[in-house]
Amino acid sequence: MDDMLTTEQGLTALRSVAQSTVGHHAALASARAMFGGELRFVDEAVRAAAREGVSPGSDAASHLAASGGKRVRAMALLLSSACFGPVPAAAAELAVVAEMVHAATLLHDDVIDDGDERRGV
């Protein structure tokens, strides 16, 4: 991201995504447009990490990573970082970590709940 957001612009974007019940797709699309490259990096890194390891853990993680998601945690981290200047590579790496921790909690919930599917798959 080349342009620095003001703190107020970043907070407004975060509030819009977090509080919107109508039109949240537009708010998410706007945030996605701001961080397209970083979010592609997050998706690719999460999918690559999910393939590592041994089966059945890597199979379950790959299935979860392939199902996608809104990446709200990653966008919140990137928006927060953009409030202070250009988004550094370290912020994109932290966004990957945030998404991986979230995925791990989903996988844990599925194991505890003996879930057979997530998001209809």
C-alpha atoms as a PDB file:
ATOM      1  CA  MET A   1       0.000   0.000   0.000  1.00  0.00           C
ATOM      2  CA  ASP A   2       1.559   3.261  -1.116  1.00  0.00           C
ATOM      3  CA  ASP A   3      -0.607   5.807   0.697  1.00  0.00           C
ATOM      4  CA  MET A   4      -0.757   6.117   4.445  1.00  0.00           C
ATOM      5  CA  LEU A   5      -4.192   6.050   6.035  1.00  0.00           C
ATOM      6  CA  THR A   6      -4.914   8.502   8.773  1.00  0.00           C
ATOM      7  CA  THR A   7      -5.735   6.930  12.087  1.00  0.00           C
ATOM      8  CA  GLU A   8      -9.337   8.084  11.669  1.00  0.00           C
ATOM      9  CA  GLN A   9      -9.603   6.527   8.178  1.00  0.00           C
ATOM     10  CA  GLY A  10      -8.270   3.220   9.481  1.00  0.00           C
ATOM     11  CA  LEU A  11     -10.613   3.258  12.455  1.00  0.00           C
ATOM     12  CA  THR A  12     -13.559   4.151  10.237  1.00  0.00           C
ATOM     13  CA  ALA A  13     -12.765   1.237   7.921  1.00  0.00           C
ATOM     14  CA  LEU A  14     -12.406  -1.153  10.868  1.00  0.00           C
ATOM     15  CA  ARG A  15     -15.691   0.030  12.388  1.00  0.00           C
ATOM     16  CA  SER A  16     -17.451  -0.282   9.056  1.00  0.00           C
ATOM     17  CA  VAL A  17     -16.458  -3.915   8.684  1.00  0.00           C
ATOM     18  CA  ALA A  18     -17.048  -4.800  12.341  1.00  0.00           C
ATOM     19  CA  GLN A  19     -20.360  -3.028  12.908  1.00  0.00           C
ATOM     20  CA  SER A  20     -22.082  -3.302   9.557  1.00  0.00           C
ATOM     21  CA  THR A  21     -25.039  -5.638   9.364  1.00  0.00           C
ATOM     22  CA  VAL A  22     -26.240  -4.311   6.009  1.00  0.00           C
ATOM     23  CA  GLY A  23     -23.791  -3.780   3.199  1.00  0.00           C
ATOM     24  CA  HIS A  24     -20.934  -5.504   4.973  1.00  0.00           C
ATOM     25  CA  HIS A  25     -20.008  -7.134   1.663  1.00  0.00           C
ATOM     26  CA  ALA A  26     -19.233  -3.677   0.239  1.00  0.00           C
ATOM     27  CA  ALA A  27     -17.109  -2.809   3.274  1.00  0.00           C
ATOM     28  CA  LEU A  28     -15.216  -6.086   2.974  1.00  0.00           C
ATOM     29  CA  ALA A  29     -14.753  -5.554  -0.766  1.00  0.00           C
ATOM     30  CA  SER A  30     -13.343  -2.096  -0.108  1.00  0.00           C
ATOM     31  CA  ALA A  31     -10.865  -3.448   2.445  1.00  0.00           C
ATOM     32  CA  ARG A  32      -9.954  -6.315   0.103  1.00  0.00           C
ATOM     33  CA  ALA A  33      -9.253  -3.820  -2.679  1.00  0.00           C
ATOM     34  CA  MET A  34      -6.895  -1.887  -0.415  1.00  0.00           C
ATOM     35  CA  PHE A  35      -4.864  -4.977   0.455  1.00  0.00           C
ATOM     36  CA  GLY A  36      -5.198  -7.244  -2.571  1.00  0.00           C
ATOM     37  CA  GLY A  37      -1.534  -8.185  -2.735  1.00  0.00           C
ATOM     38  CA  GLU A  38      -1.182  -8.737   0.976  1.00  0.00           C
ATOM     39  CA  LEU A  39      -4.344 -10.858   1.122  1.00  0.00           C
ATOM     40  CA  ARG A  40      -3.143 -13.002  -1.797  1.00  0.00           C
ATOM     41  CA  PHE A  41       0.095 -13.505   0.160  1.00  0.00           C
ATOM     42  CA  VAL A  42      -1.937 -14.510   3.245  1.00  0.00           C
ATOM     43  CA  ASP A  43      -4.041 -17.005   1.279  1.00  0.00           C
ATOM     44  CA  GLU A  44      -1.019 -18.576  -0.409  1.00  0.00           C
ATOM     45  CA  ALA A  45       0.973 -18.794   2.830  1.00  0.00           C
ATOM     46  CA  VAL A  46      -1.914 -20.323   4.796  1.00  0.00           C
ATOM     47  CA  ARG A  47      -2.509 -22.926   2.088  1.00  0.00           C
ATOM     48  CA  ALA A  48       1.206 -23.743   1.873  1.00  0.00           C
ATOM     49  CA  ALA A  49       1.489 -24.134   5.652  1.00  0.00           C
ATOM     50  CA  ALA A  50      -1.579 -26.369   5.714  1.00  0.00           C
ATOM     51  CA  ARG A  51       0.062 -28.787   3.268  1.00  0.00           C
ATOM     52  CA  GLU A  52       3.040 -29.281   5.574  1.00  0.00           C
ATOM     53  CA  GLY A  53       3.042 -31.950   8.244  1.00  0.00           C
ATOM     54  CA  VAL A  54       1.653 -35.424   8.444  1.00  0.00           C
ATOM     55  CA  SER A  55      -1.707 -36.855   7.580  1.00  0.00           C
ATOM     56  CA  PRO A  56      -4.471 -36.731   8.796  1.00  0.00           C
ATOM     57  CA  GLY A  57      -3.599 -33.337  10.324  1.00  0.00           C
ATOM     58  CA  SER A  58      -2.330 -31.849   7.064  1.00  0.00           C
ATOM     59  CA  ASP A  59      -5.377 -33.226   5.216  1.00  0.00           C
ATOM     60  CA  ALA A  60      -7.759 -31.547   7.663  1.00  0.00           C
ATOM     61  CA  ALA A  61      -5.770 -28.300   7.619  1.00  0.00           C
ATOM     62  CA  SER A  62      -5.661 -28.279   3.806  1.00  0.00           C
ATOM     63  CA  HIS A  63      -9.402 -28.856   3.638  1.00  0.00           C
ATOM     64  CA  LEU A  64      -9.980 -25.960   6.021  1.00  0.00           C
ATOM     65  CA  ALA A  65      -7.557 -23.644   4.161  1.00  0.00           C
ATOM     66  CA  ALA A  66      -9.095 -24.496   0.783  1.00  0.00           C
ATOM     67  CA  SER A  67     -12.548 -23.475   2.008  1.00  0.00           C
ATOM     68  CA  GLY A  68     -11.340 -19.870   2.121  1.00  0.00           C
ATOM     69  CA  GLY A  69     -12.916 -17.326   4.403  1.00  0.00           C
ATOM     70  CA  LYS A  70     -13.365 -13.597   4.728  1.00  0.00           C
ATOM     71  CA  ARG A  71      -9.904 -13.001   6.224  1.00  0.00           C
ATOM     72  CA  VAL A  72     -11.369 -10.403   8.567  1.00  0.00           C
ATOM     73  CA  ARG A  73      -8.580 -10.918  11.097  1.00  0.00           C
ATOM     74  CA  ALA A  74      -5.930 -10.378   8.445  1.00  0.00           C
ATOM     75  CA  MET A  75      -7.708  -7.272   7.149  1.00  0.00           C
ATOM     76  CA  ALA A  76      -8.034  -5.841  10.663  1.00  0.00           C
ATOM     77  CA  LEU A  77      -4.326  -6.308  11.206  1.00  0.00           C
ATOM     78  CA  LEU A  78      -3.463  -4.767   7.824  1.00  0.00           C
ATOM     79  CA  LEU A  79      -5.849  -1.825   8.352  1.00  0.00           C
ATOM     80  CA  SER A  80      -4.342  -1.209  11.777  1.00  0.00           C
ATOM     81  CA  SER A  81      -0.848  -1.281  10.340  1.00  0.00           C
ATOM     82  CA  ALA A  82      -1.802   1.094   7.500  1.00  0.00           C
ATOM     83  CA  CYS A  83      -2.778   3.719  10.059  1.00  0.00           C
ATOM     84  CA  PHE A  84       0.924   4.230  10.774  1.00  0.00           C
ATOM     85  CA  GLY A  85       2.396   4.209   7.283  1.00  0.00           C
ATOM     86  CA  PRO A  86       3.018   1.835   4.412  1.00  0.00           C
ATOM     87  CA  VAL A  87       2.204  -1.743   5.367  1.00  0.00           C
ATOM     88  CA  PRO A  88       5.488  -3.571   6.031  1.00  0.00           C
ATOM     89  CA  ALA A  89       6.084  -7.168   4.999  1.00  0.00           C
ATOM     90  CA  ALA A  90       6.109  -8.111   8.691  1.00  0.00           C
ATOM     91  CA  ALA A  91       2.448  -7.049   8.970  1.00  0.00           C
ATOM     92  CA  ALA A  92       1.489  -9.400   6.134  1.00  0.00           C
ATOM     93  CA  GLU A  93       3.381 -12.201   7.893  1.00  0.00           C
ATOM     94  CA  LEU A  94       1.537 -11.435  11.139  1.00  0.00           C
ATOM     95  CA  ALA A  95      -1.729 -11.540   9.179  1.00  0.00           C
ATOM     96  CA  VAL A  96      -0.808 -15.090   8.142  1.00  0.00           C
ATOM     97  CA  VAL A  97      -0.219 -15.972  11.792  1.00  0.00           C
ATOM     98  CA  ALA A  98      -3.584 -14.482  12.800  1.00  0.00           C
ATOM     99  CA  GLU A  99      -5.377 -16.543  10.149  1.00  0.00           C
ATOM    100  CA  MET A 100      -3.489 -19.712  11.105  1.00  0.00           C
ATOM    101  CA  VAL A 101      -4.389 -19.310  14.779  1.00  0.00           C
ATOM    102  CA  HIS A 102      -8.025 -18.756  13.780  1.00  0.00           C
ATOM    103  CA  ALA A 103      -7.946 -21.854  11.555  1.00  0.00           C
ATOM    104  CA  ALA A 104      -6.442 -23.874  14.399  1.00  0.00           C
ATOM    105  CA  THR A 105      -9.291 -22.866  16.695  1.00  0.00           C
ATOM    106  CA  LEU A 106     -11.832 -23.870  14.034  1.00  0.00           C
ATOM    107  CA  LEU A 107     -10.122 -27.223  13.564  1.00  0.00           C
ATOM    108  CA  HIS A 108     -10.005 -27.729  17.328  1.00  0.00           C
ATOM    109  CA  ASP A 109     -13.726 -26.945  17.596  1.00  0.00           C
ATOM    110  CA  ASP A 110     -14.477 -29.432  14.834  1.00  0.00           C
ATOM    111  CA  VAL A 111     -12.523 -32.147  16.626  1.00  0.00           C
ATOM    112  CA  ILE A 112     -14.137 -31.430  19.991  1.00  0.00           C
ATOM    113  CA  ASP A 113     -17.618 -31.257  18.436  1.00  0.00           C
ATOM    114  CA  ASP A 114     -16.919 -34.345  16.300  1.00  0.00           C
ATOM    115  CA  GLY A 115     -17.943 -32.210  13.307  1.00  0.00           C
ATOM    116  CA  ASP A 116     -18.194 -33.802   9.893  1.00  0.00           C
ATOM    117  CA  GLU A 117     -18.339 -30.611   7.851  1.00  0.00           C
ATOM    118  CA  ARG A 118     -17.574 -26.910   7.870  1.00  0.00           C
ATOM    119  CA  ARG A 119     -19.307 -24.373   5.624  1.00  0.00           C
ATOM    120  CA  GLY A 120     -21.399 -27.155   4.149  1.00  0.00           C
ATOM    121  CA  VAL A 121     -18.405 -29.225   2.983  1.00  0.00           C
END
